Amino acid sequence: MKRVIVAIFALLVTVFAVNAQVFVGGGLGLSFGSGKSSSSSSENSGSSFGCNFSPQVGCYLNDDLAIGVNGYLGNSWSNNKSISDDLTNDRENKSFYNSWGVNFFGRYKLIGLGIENLSLLAEGLIGVQGNNSKHTENEITTKSPCNTVYGINARPVLSYRLSERLDILAYCDFLTIGYSYQTQNMSLTSYKIKSHNFNLGFNSFSDLNIGFIYKF
């Protein structure tokens, strides 16, 4: 898989060197929440915050076919407190989650959808991503093993052209098919856990992500 990624990177560098229409784009996501609840024996409160950034750069080989590379960087934080009435079973939990990824993609226009400037695209991706987390409960901190995932995926993308240079993209991650190979580095031992996974996703529409591209 690593050799395939290096070969694709070399191909992209070669393509960018010739006369092709280059584009840049990306997306930015923010999430936050808070809440309180109470019971006969305790009061509970919690808050959370998350953000992610996903830049991309690519080029059009023709009017329907584009290739490029995108990245992903995200983190989230949460804090939950539980205070008991007799103060003997108080708890405070804090969690931090960090993730990253790099993908090479090919994107092909399939059909127009009957609405002016709206099209359905098919996108294939090959790349690597990783994540790790840290959890603190009552001032005792534990760290999760580092996970690295190599994957090949395909998903539909909706494209709406706002102008000759600017497109809005909706990535339908709830309709994804693919294969992934995962390694997990155990922090307290010298061995790795390896696993193979096939996925055919039809989940919730919360996996619909919005981005844009600007053509030069």
C-alpha atoms as a PDB file:
ATOM      1  CA  MET A   1       0.000   0.000   0.000  1.00  0.00           C
ATOM      2  CA  LYS A   2       2.826   2.440   0.804  1.00  0.00           C
ATOM      3  CA  ARG A   3       4.418   1.825  -2.612  1.00  0.00           C
ATOM      4  CA  VAL A   4       1.080   2.481  -4.322  1.00  0.00           C
ATOM      5  CA  ILE A   5       0.726   5.813  -2.487  1.00  0.00           C
ATOM      6  CA  VAL A   6       4.256   6.876  -3.492  1.00  0.00           C
ATOM      7  CA  ALA A   7       3.580   5.927  -7.130  1.00  0.00           C
ATOM      8  CA  ILE A   8       0.346   7.935  -7.171  1.00  0.00           C
ATOM      9  CA  PHE A   9       2.134  10.944  -5.685  1.00  0.00           C
ATOM     10  CA  ALA A  10       4.784  10.784  -8.423  1.00  0.00           C
ATOM     11  CA  LEU A  11       2.030  10.582 -11.048  1.00  0.00           C
ATOM     12  CA  LEU A  12       0.305  13.654  -9.620  1.00  0.00           C
ATOM     13  CA  VAL A  13       3.535  15.663  -9.668  1.00  0.00           C
ATOM     14  CA  THR A  14       3.993  14.749 -13.338  1.00  0.00           C
ATOM     15  CA  VAL A  15       0.423  15.719 -14.223  1.00  0.00           C
ATOM     16  CA  PHE A  16       0.670  19.061 -12.406  1.00  0.00           C
ATOM     17  CA  ALA A  17       3.807  19.804 -14.411  1.00  0.00           C
ATOM     18  CA  VAL A  18       1.899  19.730 -17.711  1.00  0.00           C
ATOM     19  CA  ASN A  19      -0.623  22.305 -18.852  1.00  0.00           C
ATOM     20  CA  ALA A  20      -3.787  21.345 -16.897  1.00  0.00           C
ATOM     21  CA  GLN A  21      -6.442  23.409 -15.107  1.00  0.00           C
ATOM     22  CA  VAL A  22      -5.509  23.515 -11.413  1.00  0.00           C
ATOM     23  CA  PHE A  23      -7.996  23.941  -8.578  1.00  0.00           C
ATOM     24  CA  VAL A  24      -7.829  24.341  -4.804  1.00  0.00           C
ATOM     25  CA  GLY A  25     -10.546  23.803  -2.252  1.00  0.00           C
ATOM     26  CA  GLY A  26     -11.485  22.406   1.084  1.00  0.00           C
ATOM     27  CA  GLY A  27     -13.909  22.465   3.968  1.00  0.00           C
ATOM     28  CA  LEU A  28     -14.071  23.619   7.574  1.00  0.00           C
ATOM     29  CA  GLY A  29     -16.272  22.066  10.240  1.00  0.00           C
ATOM     30  CA  LEU A  30     -17.142  23.184  13.768  1.00  0.00           C
ATOM     31  CA  SER A  31     -19.307  21.496  16.386  1.00  0.00           C
ATOM     32  CA  PHE A  32     -20.124  22.310  19.976  1.00  0.00           C
ATOM     33  CA  GLY A  33     -22.654  21.379  22.604  1.00  0.00           C
ATOM     34  CA  SER A  34     -23.494  21.596  26.289  1.00  0.00           C
ATOM     35  CA  GLY A  35     -26.165  20.296  28.618  1.00  0.00           C
ATOM     36  CA  LYS A  36     -27.234  19.669  32.192  1.00  0.00           C
ATOM     37  CA  SER A  37     -29.311  16.994  33.882  1.00  0.00           C
ATOM     38  CA  SER A  38     -30.161  15.998  37.422  1.00  0.00           C
ATOM     39  CA  SER A  39     -31.419  12.969  39.296  1.00  0.00           C
ATOM     40  CA  SER A  40     -32.407  12.210  42.862  1.00  0.00           C
ATOM     41  CA  SER A  41     -28.765  11.650  43.821  1.00  0.00           C
ATOM     42  CA  SER A  42     -26.601  13.793  41.516  1.00  0.00           C
ATOM     43  CA  GLU A  43     -26.303  16.710  39.134  1.00  0.00           C
ATOM     44  CA  ASN A  44     -24.618  16.214  35.753  1.00  0.00           C
ATOM     45  CA  SER A  45     -23.227  18.695  33.226  1.00  0.00           C
ATOM     46  CA  GLY A  46     -21.214  18.376  30.049  1.00  0.00           C
ATOM     47  CA  SER A  47     -19.759  20.344  27.167  1.00  0.00           C
ATOM     48  CA  SER A  48     -17.974  19.499  23.932  1.00  0.00           C
ATOM     49  CA  PHE A  49     -16.209  21.195  21.055  1.00  0.00           C
ATOM     50  CA  GLY A  50     -14.801  19.903  17.768  1.00  0.00           C
ATOM     51  CA  CYS A  51     -13.222  21.316  14.638  1.00  0.00           C
ATOM     52  CA  ASN A  52     -11.773  19.941  11.410  1.00  0.00           C
ATOM     53  CA  PHE A  53     -10.050  21.286   8.314  1.00  0.00           C
ATOM     54  CA  SER A  54      -9.797  19.480   4.967  1.00  0.00           C
ATOM     55  CA  PRO A  55      -7.798  21.253   2.211  1.00  0.00           C
ATOM     56  CA  GLN A  56      -7.412  19.855  -1.304  1.00  0.00           C
ATOM     57  CA  VAL A  57      -5.542  20.603  -4.513  1.00  0.00           C
ATOM     58  CA  GLY A  58      -5.965  18.989  -7.904  1.00  0.00           C
ATOM     59  CA  CYS A  59      -6.268  19.457 -11.642  1.00  0.00           C
ATOM     60  CA  TYR A  60      -8.723  18.676 -14.437  1.00  0.00           C
ATOM     61  CA  LEU A  61      -7.494  16.290 -17.113  1.00  0.00           C
ATOM     62  CA  ASN A  62     -10.611  17.084 -19.174  1.00  0.00           C
ATOM     63  CA  ASP A  63     -14.082  18.535 -18.587  1.00  0.00           C
ATOM     64  CA  ASP A  64     -15.281  15.446 -16.685  1.00  0.00           C
ATOM     65  CA  LEU A  65     -12.190  13.967 -14.977  1.00  0.00           C
ATOM     66  CA  ALA A  66     -10.164  15.463 -12.106  1.00  0.00           C
ATOM     67  CA  ILE A  67      -7.388  14.080  -9.903  1.00  0.00           C
ATOM     68  CA  GLY A  68      -5.690  15.469  -6.836  1.00  0.00           C
ATOM     69  CA  VAL A  69      -4.816  15.114  -3.164  1.00  0.00           C
ATOM     70  CA  ASN A  70      -6.691  16.135  -0.036  1.00  0.00           C
ATOM     71  CA  GLY A  71      -5.833  16.251   3.639  1.00  0.00           C
ATOM     72  CA  TYR A  72      -7.744  16.123   6.892  1.00  0.00           C
ATOM     73  CA  LEU A  73      -6.938  17.432  10.363  1.00  0.00           C
ATOM     74  CA  GLY A  74      -9.448  17.332  13.188  1.00  0.00           C
ATOM     75  CA  ASN A  75      -9.749  17.284  16.946  1.00  0.00           C
ATOM     76  CA  SER A  76     -12.503  17.242  19.519  1.00  0.00           C
ATOM     77  CA  TRP A  77     -12.738  17.848  23.242  1.00  0.00           C
ATOM     78  CA  SER A  78     -15.353  17.011  25.848  1.00  0.00           C
ATOM     79  CA  ASN A  79     -15.769  17.590  29.578  1.00  0.00           C
ATOM     80  CA  ASN A  80     -18.417  15.885  31.748  1.00  0.00           C
ATOM     81  CA  LYS A  81     -19.011  16.382  35.465  1.00  0.00           C
ATOM     82  CA  SER A  82     -21.176  14.495  37.936  1.00  0.00           C
ATOM     83  CA  ILE A  83     -21.670  15.868  41.458  1.00  0.00           C
ATOM     84  CA  SER A  84     -23.380  13.622  43.997  1.00  0.00           C
ATOM     85  CA  ASP A  85     -25.563  14.986  46.757  1.00  0.00           C
ATOM     86  CA  ASP A  86     -23.313  13.629  49.509  1.00  0.00           C
ATOM     87  CA  LEU A  87     -20.103  14.665  47.611  1.00  0.00           C
ATOM     88  CA  THR A  88     -18.636  11.164  47.996  1.00  0.00           C
ATOM     89  CA  ASN A  89     -18.970   9.990  44.380  1.00  0.00           C
ATOM     90  CA  ASP A  90     -18.064  13.076  42.332  1.00  0.00           C
ATOM     91  CA  ARG A  91     -16.647  12.441  38.863  1.00  0.00           C
ATOM     92  CA  GLU A  92     -15.043  14.581  36.183  1.00  0.00           C
ATOM     93  CA  ASN A  93     -14.212  13.106  32.782  1.00  0.00           C
ATOM     94  CA  LYS A  94     -12.229  14.876  30.084  1.00  0.00           C
ATOM     95  CA  SER A  95     -11.523  13.457  26.623  1.00  0.00           C
ATOM     96  CA  PHE A  96      -9.416  14.685  23.720  1.00  0.00           C
ATOM     97  CA  TYR A  97      -9.465  13.077  20.264  1.00  0.00           C
ATOM     98  CA  ASN A  98      -7.070  13.905  17.438  1.00  0.00           C
ATOM     99  CA  SER A  99      -7.205  12.634  13.831  1.00  0.00           C
ATOM    100  CA  TRP A 100      -5.460  13.246  10.510  1.00  0.00           C
ATOM    101  CA  GLY A 101      -5.465  11.864   6.993  1.00  0.00           C
ATOM    102  CA  VAL A 102      -4.089  12.194   3.447  1.00  0.00           C
ATOM    103  CA  ASN A 103      -5.908  10.854   0.362  1.00  0.00           C
ATOM    104  CA  PHE A 104      -5.288  10.798  -3.370  1.00  0.00           C
ATOM    105  CA  PHE A 105      -8.511  11.047  -5.330  1.00  0.00           C
ATOM    106  CA  GLY A 106      -9.976  10.721  -8.796  1.00  0.00           C
ATOM    107  CA  ARG A 107     -13.331  12.369  -9.488  1.00  0.00           C
ATOM    108  CA  TYR A 108     -15.487  11.722 -12.578  1.00  0.00           C
ATOM    109  CA  LYS A 109     -18.703  13.408 -13.667  1.00  0.00           C
ATOM    110  CA  LEU A 110     -21.388  10.778 -14.218  1.00  0.00           C
ATOM    111  CA  ILE A 111     -24.564  12.628 -15.147  1.00  0.00           C
ATOM    112  CA  GLY A 112     -26.418  15.916 -14.854  1.00  0.00           C
ATOM    113  CA  LEU A 113     -29.380  15.795 -12.489  1.00  0.00           C
ATOM    114  CA  GLY A 114     -31.897  17.788 -14.498  1.00  0.00           C
ATOM    115  CA  ILE A 115     -31.269  20.983 -12.549  1.00  0.00           C
ATOM    116  CA  GLU A 116     -29.034  23.574 -14.149  1.00  0.00           C
ATOM    117  CA  ASN A 117     -25.416  23.340 -12.896  1.00  0.00           C
ATOM    118  CA  LEU A 118     -26.159  20.327 -10.618  1.00  0.00           C
ATOM    119  CA  SER A 119     -24.237  17.086 -11.337  1.00  0.00           C
ATOM    120  CA  LEU A 120     -23.554  13.681  -9.802  1.00  0.00           C
ATOM    121  CA  LEU A 121     -19.875  12.705  -9.532  1.00  0.00           C
ATOM    122  CA  ALA A 122     -18.169   9.443  -8.587  1.00  0.00           C
ATOM    123  CA  GLU A 123     -15.032   9.778  -6.434  1.00  0.00           C
ATOM    124  CA  GLY A 124     -12.415   7.138  -5.664  1.00  0.00           C
ATOM    125  CA  LEU A 125      -9.887   7.630  -2.853  1.00  0.00           C
ATOM    126  CA  ILE A 126      -6.743   5.848  -1.692  1.00  0.00           C
ATOM    127  CA  GLY A 127      -4.799   7.025   1.338  1.00  0.00           C
ATOM    128  CA  VAL A 128      -3.872   6.802   4.989  1.00  0.00           C
ATOM    129  CA  GLN A 129      -5.343   8.212   8.173  1.00  0.00           C
ATOM    130  CA  GLY A 130      -4.546   8.029  11.872  1.00  0.00           C
ATOM    131  CA  ASN A 131      -6.037   8.891  15.232  1.00  0.00           C
ATOM    132  CA  ASN A 132      -5.309   8.846  18.936  1.00  0.00           C
ATOM    133  CA  SER A 133      -7.079   9.985  22.088  1.00  0.00           C
ATOM    134  CA  LYS A 134      -6.518  10.879  25.711  1.00  0.00           C
ATOM    135  CA  HIS A 135      -8.967  10.387  28.567  1.00  0.00           C
ATOM    136  CA  THR A 136      -8.781  11.862  32.060  1.00  0.00           C
ATOM    137  CA  GLU A 137     -11.019  10.730  34.909  1.00  0.00           C
ATOM    138  CA  ASN A 138     -10.602  12.368  38.315  1.00  0.00           C
ATOM    139  CA  GLU A 139      -7.066  13.532  37.388  1.00  0.00           C
ATOM    140  CA  ILE A 140      -5.984  10.055  36.217  1.00  0.00           C
ATOM    141  CA  THR A 141      -5.000  10.167  32.542  1.00  0.00           C
ATOM    142  CA  THR A 142      -4.853   7.272  30.088  1.00  0.00           C
ATOM    143  CA  LYS A 143      -3.845   7.391  26.423  1.00  0.00           C
ATOM    144  CA  SER A 144      -5.289   5.185  23.722  1.00  0.00           C
ATOM    145  CA  PRO A 145      -3.142   3.238  21.235  1.00  0.00           C
ATOM    146  CA  CYS A 146      -2.292   5.029  17.979  1.00  0.00           C
ATOM    147  CA  ASN A 147      -4.362   3.731  15.067  1.00  0.00           C
ATOM    148  CA  THR A 148      -3.175   3.897  11.449  1.00  0.00           C
ATOM    149  CA  VAL A 149      -5.593   2.982   8.649  1.00  0.00           C
ATOM    150  CA  TYR A 150      -4.783   2.460   4.954  1.00  0.00           C
ATOM    151  CA  GLY A 151      -7.860   2.441   2.773  1.00  0.00           C
ATOM    152  CA  ILE A 152      -9.461   2.429  -0.674  1.00  0.00           C
ATOM    153  CA  ASN A 153     -12.958   3.902  -0.900  1.00  0.00           C
ATOM    154  CA  ALA A 154     -15.532   5.139  -3.383  1.00  0.00           C
ATOM    155  CA  ARG A 155     -18.383   7.557  -2.740  1.00  0.00           C
ATOM    156  CA  PRO A 156     -20.873   9.749  -4.638  1.00  0.00           C
ATOM    157  CA  VAL A 157     -20.434  13.522  -4.691  1.00  0.00           C
ATOM    158  CA  LEU A 158     -22.983  16.189  -5.631  1.00  0.00           C
ATOM    159  CA  SER A 159     -21.578  19.227  -7.427  1.00  0.00           C
ATOM    160  CA  TYR A 160     -23.256  22.594  -7.946  1.00  0.00           C
ATOM    161  CA  ARG A 161     -21.511  25.161 -10.154  1.00  0.00           C
ATOM    162  CA  LEU A 162     -21.895  28.697  -8.812  1.00  0.00           C
ATOM    163  CA  SER A 163     -19.701  30.223 -11.523  1.00  0.00           C
ATOM    164  CA  GLU A 164     -17.081  29.235 -14.078  1.00  0.00           C
ATOM    165  CA  ARG A 165     -14.480  29.081 -11.305  1.00  0.00           C
ATOM    166  CA  LEU A 166     -16.376  28.154  -8.127  1.00  0.00           C
ATOM    167  CA  ASP A 167     -18.146  24.842  -7.341  1.00  0.00           C
ATOM    168  CA  ILE A 168     -19.859  23.663  -4.160  1.00  0.00           C
ATOM    169  CA  LEU A 169     -19.447  19.942  -3.374  1.00  0.00           C
ATOM    170  CA  ALA A 170     -21.490  17.692  -1.095  1.00  0.00           C
ATOM    171  CA  TYR A 171     -19.600  14.488  -0.152  1.00  0.00           C
ATOM    172  CA  CYS A 172     -22.079  11.667   0.515  1.00  0.00           C
ATOM    173  CA  ASP A 173     -20.063   9.655   3.049  1.00  0.00           C
ATOM    174  CA  PHE A 174     -23.207   7.838   4.160  1.00  0.00           C
ATOM    175  CA  LEU A 175     -23.028   5.965   0.817  1.00  0.00           C
ATOM    176  CA  THR A 176     -19.470   4.610   0.859  1.00  0.00           C
ATOM    177  CA  ILE A 177     -17.987   1.328  -0.299  1.00  0.00           C
ATOM    178  CA  GLY A 178     -14.392   0.370   0.423  1.00  0.00           C
ATOM    179  CA  TYR A 179     -11.640  -1.672   2.047  1.00  0.00           C
ATOM    180  CA  SER A 180      -9.268  -0.707   4.869  1.00  0.00           C
ATOM    181  CA  TYR A 181      -6.235  -2.194   6.588  1.00  0.00           C
ATOM    182  CA  GLN A 182      -5.648  -1.034  10.169  1.00  0.00           C
ATOM    183  CA  THR A 183      -2.683  -1.257  12.526  1.00  0.00           C
ATOM    184  CA  GLN A 184      -2.898  -0.406  16.212  1.00  0.00           C
ATOM    185  CA  ASN A 185       0.288   0.330  18.155  1.00  0.00           C
ATOM    186  CA  MET A 186      -0.179  -0.829  21.738  1.00  0.00           C
ATOM    187  CA  SER A 187       1.376   1.813  23.973  1.00  0.00           C
ATOM    188  CA  LEU A 188       2.366  -0.500  26.824  1.00  0.00           C
ATOM    189  CA  THR A 189       3.683  -3.405  24.765  1.00  0.00           C
ATOM    190  CA  SER A 190       5.883  -3.991  21.728  1.00  0.00           C
ATOM    191  CA  TYR A 191       3.284  -5.581  19.449  1.00  0.00           C
ATOM    192  CA  LYS A 192       0.735  -4.323  16.928  1.00  0.00           C
ATOM    193  CA  ILE A 193      -2.844  -5.357  16.288  1.00  0.00           C
ATOM    194  CA  LYS A 194      -3.665  -5.665  12.575  1.00  0.00           C
ATOM    195  CA  SER A 195      -7.110  -5.968  11.006  1.00  0.00           C
ATOM    196  CA  HIS A 196      -8.790  -5.975   7.574  1.00  0.00           C
ATOM    197  CA  ASN A 197     -12.208  -4.422   7.014  1.00  0.00           C
ATOM    198  CA  PHE A 198     -14.686  -4.165   4.165  1.00  0.00           C
ATOM    199  CA  ASN A 199     -17.399  -1.534   4.393  1.00  0.00           C
ATOM    200  CA  LEU A 200     -20.613  -0.792   2.563  1.00  0.00           C
ATOM    201  CA  GLY A 201     -22.102   2.221   4.261  1.00  0.00           C
ATOM    202  CA  PHE A 202     -25.634   3.468   4.429  1.00  0.00           C
ATOM    203  CA  ASN A 203     -25.653   5.367   7.669  1.00  0.00           C
ATOM    204  CA  SER A 204     -27.131   8.716   8.644  1.00  0.00           C
ATOM    205  CA  PHE A 205     -27.199  11.987   6.789  1.00  0.00           C
ATOM    206  CA  SER A 206     -24.865  13.382   9.467  1.00  0.00           C
ATOM    207  CA  ASP A 207     -22.145  11.955   7.193  1.00  0.00           C
ATOM    208  CA  LEU A 208     -22.944  14.528   4.496  1.00  0.00           C
ATOM    209  CA  ASN A 209     -20.012  16.968   4.298  1.00  0.00           C
ATOM    210  CA  ILE A 210     -19.882  20.231   2.372  1.00  0.00           C
ATOM    211  CA  GLY A 211     -16.812  21.723   0.639  1.00  0.00           C
ATOM    212  CA  PHE A 212     -15.831  23.866  -2.322  1.00  0.00           C
ATOM    213  CA  ILE A 213     -13.264  24.101  -5.130  1.00  0.00           C
ATOM    214  CA  TYR A 214     -11.914  27.172  -6.925  1.00  0.00           C
ATOM    215  CA  LYS A 215     -10.497  26.765 -10.440  1.00  0.00           C
ATOM    216  CA  PHE A 216      -7.604  28.867 -11.719  1.00  0.00           C
END
